[in-house]
Amino acid sequence: MLGNIISGVVGGVVFGFSGYLKNQKKNESFDYMKLGITVIVAGIVGAVAGYTGMEYGAVADATFAGGIGLVAENIVKAVYRKLA
């Protein structure tokens, strides 16, 4: 179960961080407080998902199918907004 919680936290943190980068305005200074809150909330959500005891394989499959696309989209949008 601890492995599921840790995996959930890591996944939530990665997703939260990529979402923060995507939504950051071009001339906006890096806001550590905003990033911290985003990452903490995403990590908690991931931990709760892991704690519920869902089978890791099912969670990983669903996360990979939907999450990897969203994370990739967030990264592309973040880079585009920095360059535009």
N, C-alpha and C. Protein backbone atom coordinates (compact mmCIF):
# COMPACT_ATOMS: atom_id res chain seq x y z
N MET A 1 0.82 -1.19 0.00
CA MET A 1 0.00 0.00 0.00
C MET A 1 0.87 1.25 0.00
N LEU A 2 1.97 1.24 0.72
CA LEU A 2 2.84 2.41 0.75
C LEU A 2 3.37 2.74 -0.64
N GLY A 3 3.66 1.71 -1.42
CA GLY A 3 4.11 1.92 -2.79
C GLY A 3 3.06 2.62 -3.64
N ASN A 4 1.80 2.25 -3.45
CA ASN A 4 0.71 2.91 -4.18
C ASN A 4 0.59 4.38 -3.79
N ILE A 5 0.73 4.66 -2.50
CA ILE A 5 0.64 6.05 -2.03
C ILE A 5 1.78 6.87 -2.61
N ILE A 6 3.00 6.33 -2.55
CA ILE A 6 4.16 7.05 -3.09
C ILE A 6 4.00 7.27 -4.58
N SER A 7 3.57 6.25 -5.31
CA SER A 7 3.34 6.41 -6.74
C SER A 7 2.29 7.47 -7.02
N GLY A 8 1.24 7.47 -6.24
CA GLY A 8 0.19 8.48 -6.39
C GLY A 8 0.71 9.88 -6.15
N VAL A 9 1.52 10.04 -5.11
CA VAL A 9 2.10 11.35 -4.81
C VAL A 9 2.99 11.81 -5.96
N VAL A 10 3.87 10.93 -6.43
CA VAL A 10 4.78 11.29 -7.51
C VAL A 10 4.00 11.66 -8.77
N GLY A 11 3.01 10.86 -9.12
CA GLY A 11 2.19 11.17 -10.29
C GLY A 11 1.46 12.48 -10.15
N GLY A 12 0.91 12.72 -8.97
CA GLY A 12 0.21 13.98 -8.71
C GLY A 12 1.14 15.18 -8.79
N VAL A 13 2.32 15.04 -8.24
CA VAL A 13 3.30 16.14 -8.27
C VAL A 13 3.72 16.45 -9.70
N VAL A 14 4.01 15.43 -10.49
CA VAL A 14 4.41 15.64 -11.88
C VAL A 14 3.28 16.33 -12.65
N PHE A 15 2.06 15.83 -12.48
CA PHE A 15 0.93 16.42 -13.18
C PHE A 15 0.69 17.86 -12.72
N GLY A 16 0.74 18.10 -11.42
CA GLY A 16 0.54 19.45 -10.89
C GLY A 16 1.59 20.42 -11.38
N PHE A 17 2.85 19.98 -11.42
CA PHE A 17 3.95 20.84 -11.88
C PHE A 17 3.78 21.18 -13.36
N SER A 18 3.42 20.18 -14.16
CA SER A 18 3.25 20.45 -15.59
C SER A 18 2.06 21.39 -15.82
N GLY A 19 1.00 21.23 -15.04
CA GLY A 19 -0.14 22.14 -15.15
C GLY A 19 0.23 23.55 -14.75
N TYR A 20 1.04 23.71 -13.71
CA TYR A 20 1.50 25.03 -13.30
C TYR A 20 2.29 25.69 -14.42
N LEU A 21 3.21 24.95 -15.02
CA LEU A 21 4.02 25.51 -16.10
C LEU A 21 3.16 25.91 -17.29
N LYS A 22 2.17 25.10 -17.60
CA LYS A 22 1.29 25.40 -18.73
C LYS A 22 0.52 26.69 -18.50
N ASN A 23 0.06 26.92 -17.28
CA ASN A 23 -0.79 28.07 -16.99
C ASN A 23 -0.02 29.34 -16.64
N GLN A 24 1.28 29.25 -16.52
CA GLN A 24 2.07 30.42 -16.18
C GLN A 24 2.08 31.40 -17.35
N LYS A 25 1.78 32.64 -17.07
CA LYS A 25 1.76 33.68 -18.11
C LYS A 25 3.17 33.97 -18.58
N LYS A 26 3.28 34.52 -19.80
CA LYS A 26 4.59 34.72 -20.42
C LYS A 26 5.51 35.61 -19.57
N ASN A 27 5.01 36.74 -19.12
CA ASN A 27 5.85 37.66 -18.36
C ASN A 27 5.68 37.54 -16.85
N GLU A 28 5.00 36.49 -16.42
CA GLU A 28 4.76 36.27 -15.00
C GLU A 28 6.03 35.72 -14.35
N SER A 29 6.41 36.31 -13.23
CA SER A 29 7.57 35.79 -12.53
C SER A 29 7.21 34.46 -11.89
N PHE A 30 8.24 33.65 -11.66
CA PHE A 30 8.02 32.33 -11.09
C PHE A 30 7.51 32.48 -9.67
N ASP A 31 6.34 31.95 -9.40
CA ASP A 31 5.68 32.09 -8.10
C ASP A 31 5.79 30.77 -7.34
N TYR A 32 6.75 30.72 -6.42
CA TYR A 32 7.00 29.49 -5.67
C TYR A 32 5.80 29.10 -4.81
N MET A 33 5.09 30.09 -4.28
CA MET A 33 3.92 29.80 -3.44
C MET A 33 2.83 29.14 -4.28
N LYS A 34 2.55 29.69 -5.45
CA LYS A 34 1.53 29.11 -6.33
C LYS A 34 1.93 27.70 -6.76
N LEU A 35 3.18 27.52 -7.12
CA LEU A 35 3.68 26.20 -7.50
C LEU A 35 3.55 25.24 -6.33
N GLY A 36 3.96 25.68 -5.16
CA GLY A 36 3.91 24.82 -3.98
C GLY A 36 2.51 24.34 -3.67
N ILE A 37 1.55 25.26 -3.71
CA ILE A 37 0.16 24.89 -3.44
C ILE A 37 -0.35 23.91 -4.48
N THR A 38 -0.05 24.18 -5.74
CA THR A 38 -0.49 23.30 -6.83
C THR A 38 0.07 21.90 -6.65
N VAL A 39 1.37 21.81 -6.37
CA VAL A 39 2.03 20.51 -6.24
C VAL A 39 1.55 19.78 -4.98
N ILE A 40 1.35 20.49 -3.91
CA ILE A 40 0.88 19.86 -2.66
C ILE A 40 -0.52 19.29 -2.85
N VAL A 41 -1.42 20.08 -3.44
CA VAL A 41 -2.79 19.59 -3.66
C VAL A 41 -2.77 18.37 -4.58
N ALA A 42 -2.01 18.45 -5.67
CA ALA A 42 -1.94 17.32 -6.60
C ALA A 42 -1.33 16.09 -5.92
N GLY A 43 -0.33 16.30 -5.07
CA GLY A 43 0.27 15.19 -4.34
C GLY A 43 -0.69 14.55 -3.37
N ILE A 44 -1.50 15.35 -2.70
CA ILE A 44 -2.49 14.82 -1.76
C ILE A 44 -3.54 14.00 -2.51
N VAL A 45 -4.00 14.54 -3.63
CA VAL A 45 -4.98 13.80 -4.43
C VAL A 45 -4.39 12.46 -4.87
N GLY A 46 -3.15 12.48 -5.31
CA GLY A 46 -2.49 11.24 -5.72
C GLY A 46 -2.34 10.27 -4.56
N ALA A 47 -2.00 10.78 -3.39
CA ALA A 47 -1.84 9.92 -2.22
C ALA A 47 -3.16 9.27 -1.83
N VAL A 48 -4.24 10.05 -1.87
CA VAL A 48 -5.56 9.50 -1.54
C VAL A 48 -5.94 8.42 -2.56
N ALA A 49 -5.66 8.67 -3.82
CA ALA A 49 -5.96 7.66 -4.84
C ALA A 49 -5.17 6.38 -4.56
N GLY A 50 -3.92 6.52 -4.17
CA GLY A 50 -3.12 5.34 -3.83
C GLY A 50 -3.59 4.66 -2.57
N TYR A 51 -4.02 5.43 -1.59
CA TYR A 51 -4.45 4.88 -0.31
C TYR A 51 -5.75 4.09 -0.41
N THR A 52 -6.58 4.42 -1.38
CA THR A 52 -7.88 3.75 -1.50
C THR A 52 -7.73 2.29 -1.83
N GLY A 53 -6.52 1.86 -2.16
CA GLY A 53 -6.28 0.45 -2.41
C GLY A 53 -6.62 -0.01 -3.81
N MET A 54 -6.78 0.92 -4.71
CA MET A 54 -7.04 0.54 -6.10
C MET A 54 -5.85 -0.26 -6.61
N GLU A 55 -6.12 -1.23 -7.45
CA GLU A 55 -5.06 -2.03 -8.03
C GLU A 55 -4.12 -1.13 -8.81
N TYR A 56 -2.84 -1.27 -8.55
CA TYR A 56 -1.86 -0.40 -9.18
C TYR A 56 -1.90 -0.51 -10.70
N GLY A 57 -2.07 -1.71 -11.22
CA GLY A 57 -2.10 -1.90 -12.67
C GLY A 57 -3.24 -1.13 -13.32
N ALA A 58 -4.41 -1.18 -12.70
CA ALA A 58 -5.56 -0.46 -13.25
C ALA A 58 -5.34 1.05 -13.19
N VAL A 59 -4.81 1.51 -12.07
CA VAL A 59 -4.54 2.94 -11.92
C VAL A 59 -3.45 3.37 -12.92
N ALA A 60 -2.41 2.57 -13.03
CA ALA A 60 -1.32 2.91 -13.94
C ALA A 60 -1.79 2.94 -15.38
N ASP A 61 -2.61 1.97 -15.77
CA ASP A 61 -3.12 1.96 -17.14
C ASP A 61 -3.97 3.19 -17.43
N ALA A 62 -4.87 3.52 -16.53
CA ALA A 62 -5.74 4.68 -16.73
C ALA A 62 -4.93 5.97 -16.71
N THR A 63 -3.99 6.05 -15.78
CA THR A 63 -3.16 7.24 -15.68
C THR A 63 -2.29 7.40 -16.92
N PHE A 64 -1.70 6.32 -17.34
CA PHE A 64 -0.84 6.38 -18.52
C PHE A 64 -1.64 6.78 -19.75
N ALA A 65 -2.81 6.18 -19.91
CA ALA A 65 -3.63 6.45 -21.09
C ALA A 65 -4.05 7.92 -21.15
N GLY A 66 -4.50 8.45 -20.04
CA GLY A 66 -4.97 9.84 -20.03
C GLY A 66 -3.93 10.83 -19.59
N GLY A 67 -3.18 10.47 -18.56
CA GLY A 67 -2.25 11.41 -17.95
C GLY A 67 -1.05 11.76 -18.80
N ILE A 68 -0.48 10.78 -19.48
CA ILE A 68 0.73 11.07 -20.26
C ILE A 68 0.42 12.04 -21.38
N GLY A 69 -0.76 11.91 -21.95
CA GLY A 69 -1.17 12.86 -22.99
C GLY A 69 -1.35 14.25 -22.43
N LEU A 70 -1.96 14.35 -21.26
CA LEU A 70 -2.17 15.66 -20.64
C LEU A 70 -0.86 16.30 -20.21
N VAL A 71 0.04 15.51 -19.65
CA VAL A 71 1.34 16.05 -19.25
C VAL A 71 2.11 16.52 -20.49
N ALA A 72 2.08 15.73 -21.55
CA ALA A 72 2.77 16.14 -22.78
C ALA A 72 2.15 17.42 -23.32
N GLU A 73 0.84 17.52 -23.30
CA GLU A 73 0.17 18.74 -23.76
C GLU A 73 0.57 19.93 -22.90
N ASN A 74 0.60 19.76 -21.59
CA ASN A 74 0.99 20.85 -20.70
C ASN A 74 2.41 21.32 -21.00
N ILE A 75 3.31 20.39 -21.24
CA ILE A 75 4.71 20.75 -21.52
C ILE A 75 4.79 21.51 -22.84
N VAL A 76 4.12 21.03 -23.87
CA VAL A 76 4.14 21.71 -25.16
C VAL A 76 3.58 23.12 -25.04
N LYS A 77 2.46 23.27 -24.34
CA LYS A 77 1.85 24.58 -24.17
C LYS A 77 2.75 25.52 -23.36
N ALA A 78 3.40 24.99 -22.34
CA ALA A 78 4.31 25.80 -21.54
C ALA A 78 5.46 26.31 -22.37
N VAL A 79 6.07 25.43 -23.15
CA VAL A 79 7.20 25.83 -24.00
C VAL A 79 6.72 26.84 -25.04
N TYR A 80 5.58 26.59 -25.66
CA TYR A 80 5.05 27.51 -26.68
C TYR A 80 4.83 28.90 -26.09
N ARG A 81 4.24 28.96 -24.91
CA ARG A 81 3.94 30.26 -24.28
C ARG A 81 5.21 31.00 -23.90
N LYS A 82 6.26 30.27 -23.55
CA LYS A 82 7.54 30.92 -23.23
C LYS A 82 8.20 31.46 -24.48
N LEU A 83 8.03 30.78 -25.61
CA LEU A 83 8.68 31.17 -26.84
C LEU A 83 7.87 32.21 -27.64
N ALA A 84 6.56 32.22 -27.45
CA ALA A 84 5.69 33.13 -28.24
C ALA A 84 5.75 34.55 -27.72
